[in-house]
Protein backbone atom coordinates (compact mmCIF):
# COMPACT_ATOMS: atom_id res chain seq x y z
CA MET A 1 30.73 29.55 -0.65
CA LYS A 2 27.97 26.95 -0.65
CA LEU A 3 25.06 27.05 -3.06
CA ILE A 4 21.40 26.73 -2.14
CA SER A 5 18.82 26.04 -4.85
CA LEU A 6 15.33 27.40 -4.29
CA VAL A 7 12.82 25.44 -6.36
CA PHE A 8 9.39 26.74 -7.33
CA SER A 9 6.70 24.95 -9.31
CA PHE A 10 4.16 27.41 -10.69
CA ARG A 11 1.39 28.04 -13.17
CA ASN A 12 0.00 31.51 -13.89
CA GLU A 13 1.57 33.40 -10.99
CA GLU A 14 2.31 36.73 -12.69
CA GLU A 15 0.90 38.66 -9.73
CA ASN A 16 3.32 37.14 -7.23
CA LEU A 17 6.65 36.51 -8.97
CA LYS A 18 8.32 39.93 -8.57
CA THR A 19 7.49 40.14 -4.88
CA LEU A 20 8.52 36.51 -4.34
CA VAL A 21 11.95 36.96 -5.98
CA ASP A 22 12.61 40.17 -4.06
CA ARG A 23 11.69 38.62 -0.69
CA VAL A 24 13.74 35.47 -1.37
CA HIS A 25 16.77 37.57 -2.36
CA LYS A 26 16.57 39.65 0.83
CA ALA A 27 16.20 36.52 2.97
CA VAL A 28 19.22 34.70 1.51
CA GLU A 29 21.32 37.89 1.67
CA LYS A 30 21.04 37.74 5.46
CA THR A 31 22.89 34.41 5.54
CA THR A 32 26.65 33.98 5.46
CA ASN A 33 28.63 31.63 3.20
CA TRP A 34 25.67 30.96 0.91
CA ASN A 35 25.08 31.82 -2.74
CA TYR A 36 21.77 30.93 -4.32
CA GLU A 37 19.98 30.08 -7.54
CA LEU A 38 16.24 30.30 -8.18
CA VAL A 39 14.80 27.39 -10.18
CA PHE A 40 11.35 28.21 -11.53
CA VAL A 41 9.48 25.33 -13.19
CA ASN A 42 6.80 26.75 -15.46
CA ASP A 43 3.89 24.32 -15.71
CA ASP A 44 2.70 25.65 -19.09
CA SER A 45 1.52 29.05 -17.84
CA THR A 46 -0.80 31.03 -20.10
CA ASP A 47 -0.19 34.46 -18.55
CA ASN A 48 2.91 36.68 -18.51
CA SER A 49 4.79 34.70 -15.87
CA GLU A 50 7.63 33.63 -18.19
CA LYS A 51 8.14 37.17 -19.53
CA ILE A 52 8.35 38.51 -15.98
CA LEU A 53 10.96 35.91 -15.03
CA ILE A 54 13.03 36.62 -18.16
CA ASP A 55 13.07 40.28 -17.19
CA LEU A 56 14.06 39.40 -13.61
CA GLN A 57 16.97 37.29 -14.93
CA LYS A 58 18.82 40.54 -15.63
CA ASN A 59 19.32 41.05 -11.89
CA PHE A 60 18.81 37.65 -10.27
CA PRO A 61 20.21 34.10 -10.81
CA ILE A 62 17.01 32.61 -12.19
CA LYS A 63 16.76 29.35 -14.13
CA ILE A 64 13.47 28.93 -16.01
CA ILE A 65 12.36 25.39 -16.85
CA ASN A 66 9.44 25.40 -19.28
CA MET A 67 7.39 22.21 -19.39
CA SER A 68 5.99 21.03 -22.73
CA ARG A 69 2.45 20.96 -21.29
CA ASN A 70 0.61 21.09 -17.98
CA PHE A 71 2.01 18.10 -16.04
CA GLY A 72 0.92 19.03 -12.52
CA ASN A 73 2.80 19.87 -9.36
CA ASN A 74 4.76 16.71 -8.53
CA PRO A 75 6.40 16.21 -11.96
CA CYS A 76 7.37 19.89 -11.98
CA VAL A 77 8.91 19.65 -8.52
CA LEU A 78 10.95 16.64 -9.66
CA ALA A 79 12.09 18.54 -12.76
CA GLY A 80 13.27 21.34 -10.48
CA PHE A 81 15.07 18.92 -8.18
CA GLU A 82 16.81 17.14 -11.03
CA ASN A 83 18.00 20.39 -12.59
CA SER A 84 19.20 22.09 -9.40
CA LEU A 85 22.89 22.45 -8.55
CA GLY A 86 22.77 23.39 -4.88
CA ASP A 87 24.43 21.73 -1.89
CA CYS A 88 20.88 21.75 -0.55
CA ILE A 89 17.52 22.78 -1.94
CA VAL A 90 14.49 24.55 -0.56
CA TYR A 91 11.15 23.86 -2.17
CA MET A 92 8.24 26.19 -1.55
CA ASP A 93 5.05 27.43 -3.20
CA SER A 94 5.17 30.52 -5.38
CA ASP A 95 1.90 32.05 -4.14
CA LEU A 96 3.54 33.77 -1.13
CA GLN A 97 1.68 31.67 1.43
CA ASP A 98 5.04 30.27 2.53
CA PRO A 99 7.11 33.20 3.89
CA PRO A 100 10.54 33.41 2.18
CA GLU A 101 11.91 35.03 5.35
CA LEU A 102 11.84 31.56 6.96
CA ILE A 103 14.61 30.39 4.62
CA THR A 104 17.28 31.80 6.95
CA GLU A 105 15.98 29.65 9.82
CA LEU A 106 15.92 26.56 7.59
CA ILE A 107 19.56 27.17 6.70
CA LYS A 108 20.49 27.60 10.38
CA GLN A 109 18.92 24.23 11.20
CA HIS A 110 20.70 22.63 8.26
CA GLU A 111 24.03 24.03 9.47
CA LYS A 112 23.35 22.31 12.81
CA GLY A 113 23.50 18.97 11.00
CA PHE A 114 19.93 18.32 9.87
CA ASP A 115 19.53 16.87 6.38
CA ILE A 116 15.82 17.64 6.10
CA VAL A 117 14.17 20.64 7.74
CA HIS A 118 10.37 20.57 7.48
CA THR A 119 8.08 23.50 8.18
CA LYS A 120 5.02 23.05 10.35
CA ARG A 121 2.03 25.34 9.92
CA ILE A 122 0.86 26.26 13.42
CA LYS A 123 -1.73 28.60 11.92
CA ARG A 124 -3.16 28.82 8.40
CA LEU A 125 -4.59 32.22 7.58
CA GLY A 126 -7.20 32.66 4.89
CA GLU A 127 -8.28 29.00 4.79
CA SER A 128 -11.77 27.75 5.61
CA LYS A 129 -12.60 25.59 8.61
CA LEU A 130 -13.83 22.90 6.23
CA LYS A 131 -10.45 22.76 4.48
CA LEU A 132 -8.57 22.66 7.79
CA PHE A 133 -10.82 19.86 9.07
CA SER A 134 -10.54 17.79 5.87
CA THR A 135 -6.75 18.20 5.91
CA LYS A 136 -6.62 16.95 9.49
CA ILE A 137 -8.70 13.91 8.56
CA ALA A 138 -6.51 13.22 5.51
CA TYR A 139 -3.31 13.27 7.61
CA THR A 140 -4.89 10.94 10.16
CA ILE A 141 -5.99 8.42 7.52
CA ILE A 142 -2.60 8.45 5.76
CA ASN A 143 -0.77 7.87 9.04
CA LYS A 144 -3.13 5.06 10.08
CA LEU A 145 -2.95 3.22 6.78
CA SER A 146 0.65 3.85 5.70
CA ASP A 147 4.06 2.97 7.11
CA ILE A 148 5.25 6.56 7.41
CA ASN A 149 4.37 9.20 9.96
CA LEU A 150 3.42 12.56 8.50
CA VAL A 151 3.38 15.21 11.20
CA LYS A 152 0.10 17.10 11.06
CA ASP A 153 0.32 20.44 9.22
CA VAL A 154 3.73 19.75 7.70
CA GLY A 155 3.52 20.71 4.03
CA ASP A 156 5.87 20.80 1.04
CA PHE A 157 7.88 23.83 2.18
CA LYS A 158 11.16 22.30 3.36
CA LEU A 159 14.94 22.19 3.05
CA ILE A 160 16.59 18.99 1.78
CA SER A 161 20.34 18.33 1.78
CA ARG A 162 22.05 17.16 -1.39
CA ARG A 163 22.69 13.65 -0.09
CA ALA A 164 19.05 13.24 1.00
CA LEU A 165 17.84 14.69 -2.30
CA ASP A 166 20.00 12.27 -4.29
CA LYS A 167 18.39 9.35 -2.46
CA ILE A 168 14.91 10.75 -3.11
CA LEU A 169 15.71 11.07 -6.82
CA GLU A 170 16.92 7.47 -6.93
CA GLN A 171 13.34 6.36 -6.29
CA LYS A 172 11.85 5.97 -9.77
CA GLU A 173 8.17 5.94 -8.85
CA PHE A 174 5.95 7.24 -11.64
CA TYR A 175 3.60 8.88 -9.14
CA PRO A 176 5.92 9.93 -6.30
CA TYR A 177 4.43 11.37 -3.14
CA ILE A 178 7.26 13.79 -2.37
CA ARG A 179 5.86 14.84 0.98
CA GLY A 180 6.00 11.19 2.05
CA LEU A 181 9.36 10.45 0.38
CA SER A 182 11.03 13.21 2.38
CA VAL A 183 9.99 11.35 5.55
CA TRP A 184 10.57 7.81 4.23
CA VAL A 185 14.14 8.54 3.09
CA GLY A 186 15.28 9.00 6.68
CA PHE A 187 18.39 10.98 7.71
CA LYS A 188 18.38 13.52 10.52
CA GLN A 189 15.20 15.62 10.41
CA THR A 190 13.63 18.49 12.33
CA TYR A 191 10.75 20.98 12.11
CA VAL A 192 10.36 24.75 12.14
CA ASP A 193 7.02 26.29 13.10
CA TYR A 194 5.48 29.16 11.14
CA VAL A 195 2.23 30.93 10.39
CA ARG A 196 1.05 30.34 6.83
CA GLU A 197 -0.07 33.56 5.19
CA PRO A 198 -3.05 34.09 2.86
CA ARG A 199 -2.37 33.76 -0.85
CA GLY A 200 -0.51 36.82 -2.21
CA GLY A 201 -2.46 37.29 -5.44
CA GLY A 202 -4.50 35.39 -7.98
CA LYS A 203 -6.66 32.34 -7.33
CA THR A 204 -5.71 28.96 -5.97
CA HIS A 205 -5.03 26.30 -8.59
CA TYR A 206 -5.95 23.48 -6.21
CA PRO A 207 -9.49 23.85 -4.78
CA MET A 208 -10.19 21.48 -1.90
CA PHE A 209 -12.23 18.91 -3.81
CA SER A 210 -10.41 19.22 -7.14
CA LYS A 211 -8.50 16.40 -8.82
CA THR A 212 -5.04 17.30 -7.47
CA PRO A 213 -5.74 17.16 -3.67
CA ILE A 214 -7.77 13.96 -4.07
CA THR A 215 -5.03 12.34 -6.17
CA GLU A 216 -2.40 13.43 -3.64
CA PHE A 217 -4.42 11.86 -0.83
CA ILE A 218 -4.87 8.54 -2.67
CA THR A 219 -1.17 8.50 -3.60
CA GLY A 220 -0.21 9.19 0.00
CA VAL A 221 -2.29 6.26 1.22
CA THR A 222 -1.21 3.73 -1.42
CA SER A 223 2.48 4.64 -1.83
CA TYR A 224 3.76 3.41 1.51
CA SER A 225 1.56 0.52 2.57
CA LEU A 226 -0.46 -2.48 1.48
CA LYS A 227 -2.89 -2.04 4.36
CA PRO A 228 -5.75 -0.75 2.16
CA LEU A 229 -5.71 -4.10 0.35
CA TYR A 230 -6.36 -5.86 3.64
CA LEU A 231 -9.62 -3.96 3.84
CA GLY A 232 -11.04 -6.46 1.35
CA ILE A 233 -10.09 -9.35 3.64
CA VAL A 234 -11.70 -7.62 6.63
CA LEU A 235 -14.89 -6.82 4.73
CA GLY A 236 -15.00 -10.35 3.36
CA PHE A 237 -14.71 -11.81 6.86
CA PHE A 238 -17.53 -9.66 8.22
CA ALA A 239 -19.65 -10.40 5.16
CA PHE A 240 -19.17 -14.14 5.78
CA LEU A 241 -19.93 -13.72 9.49
CA PHE A 242 -23.02 -11.65 8.76
CA SER A 243 -24.31 -14.16 6.23
CA ILE A 244 -23.92 -17.00 8.78
CA ILE A 245 -25.93 -14.98 11.31
CA LEU A 246 -28.65 -14.35 8.73
CA ILE A 247 -28.82 -18.07 7.83
CA ILE A 248 -29.13 -19.05 11.49
CA TYR A 249 -31.82 -16.42 12.04
CA ALA A 250 -33.74 -17.51 8.92
CA LEU A 251 -33.65 -21.16 10.02
CA TYR A 252 -34.76 -20.23 13.53
CA ALA A 253 -37.62 -18.12 12.15
CA LYS A 254 -38.70 -20.95 9.86
CA LEU A 255 -38.67 -23.53 12.61
CA THR A 256 -40.58 -21.33 15.06
CA GLY A 257 -43.16 -20.24 12.52
CA GLN A 258 -42.08 -16.59 12.46
CA ALA A 259 -42.07 -14.50 9.30
CA VAL A 260 -38.75 -14.51 7.46
CA PRO A 261 -37.59 -10.95 6.52
CA GLY A 262 -38.84 -9.94 3.08
CA THR A 263 -37.43 -8.13 0.08
CA THR A 264 -36.59 -4.87 1.90
CA GLY A 265 -34.10 -6.56 4.17
CA ILE A 266 -32.62 -8.50 1.26
CA ILE A 267 -32.17 -5.32 -0.79
CA ILE A 268 -30.44 -3.59 2.13
CA VAL A 269 -28.05 -6.51 2.62
CA ILE A 270 -27.28 -6.77 -1.11
CA SER A 271 -26.70 -3.02 -1.40
CA PHE A 272 -24.37 -2.99 1.60
CA PHE A 273 -22.18 -5.83 0.42
CA SER A 274 -22.23 -4.65 -3.18
CA GLY A 275 -20.84 -1.33 -1.97
CA ALA A 276 -18.19 -3.12 0.11
CA LEU A 277 -17.24 -5.29 -2.87
CA LEU A 278 -17.00 -2.32 -5.25
CA SER A 279 -14.87 -0.41 -2.73
CA THR A 280 -12.48 -3.34 -2.47
CA ILE A 281 -12.28 -3.67 -6.25
CA GLY A 282 -11.63 0.08 -6.47
CA ILE A 283 -8.72 -0.14 -4.02
CA MET A 284 -7.24 -3.04 -5.97
CA GLY A 285 -7.73 -1.01 -9.16
CA VAL A 286 -5.65 1.86 -7.77
CA TYR A 287 -2.73 -0.47 -7.02
CA LEU A 288 -3.02 -2.13 -10.43
CA ALA A 289 -3.12 1.27 -12.14
CA ARG A 290 0.08 2.30 -10.35
CA ILE A 291 1.78 -0.90 -11.51
CA TYR A 292 0.52 -0.31 -15.06
CA GLU A 293 1.84 3.26 -15.16
CA GLN A 294 5.18 2.13 -13.72
CA THR A 295 5.67 -0.66 -16.28
CA LYS A 296 4.97 1.57 -19.30
CA GLY A 297 8.39 3.12 -18.79
CA ARG A 298 7.39 6.66 -19.73
CA THR A 299 9.25 9.67 -18.40
CA ARG A 300 7.41 11.53 -15.67
CA TYR A 301 7.61 14.85 -17.51
CA VAL A 302 8.85 16.49 -20.70
CA ILE A 303 10.82 19.74 -20.67
CA LYS A 304 10.30 22.11 -23.62
CA ASN A 305 13.35 24.24 -22.88
CA ILE A 306 15.53 25.62 -20.11
CA LYS A 307 16.45 29.30 -20.00
CA ASP A 308 19.42 29.53 -17.68
CA TYR A 309 20.96 32.60 -16.09
CA LYS A 310 24.48 33.69 -17.00
CA LYS A 311 26.87 32.35 -14.39
């Protein structure tokens, strides 16, 4: 029998955990030749989530990884990956937006020889038009500026084979963009379409304009390309070209006795190029910050304890 590890990163999901475990169990039971373990990474929850999982351990193979503090989603996912034992893993959200019933289809595609099976959201219920539009724009920008190709509406819900996972874990980036790494690592990949359901219970931990989505977007852009740095060169070229045009125009106006543009025009020009300069410095700052974090040599997360199930 092969083993599949189902990895969940969560914080304060007491309303969803029992239903999630039950649906996952029923889904995997429909497969043949597969045992499973559930790896729950607790990102310092303050509700009764851990107590619920400890109670569920009596009937299900649940491993609880408690983080020492709130580290965020990506470090927790990595902790789950690095402490999983499966021949392949499935990572999905714990808020019931990703249907556990799709696990059987992911396994079928894996058994056909695919190392990574992504899921593509053909419809996203319960999400605003503004969020859908901003997500579309974010995918477009990442694909234009980076060296990977993220298929629109492919999220974090996916199956990864052990050999592909091992290669992902070999990458020691301090701020890994796992969604991008699963594409960058290569191997044989495919997609499964599904309708994403509304959140099961509780409130989202990642509002659209909160720190986490914005950080994920910036990481996605800067992790796989140096193209954003070239923006400074492009802006510098146009600034130089524009200044030459202004000099020629000022000389022409002077020679022909016309009035040279006054302070308003100068202020506009200075404001424009100051903004361009600050944007370029900001982009460079992001890359420098990533280098700084990488060179400090800190671990990406700290585990407080692991409460394993009895094998």
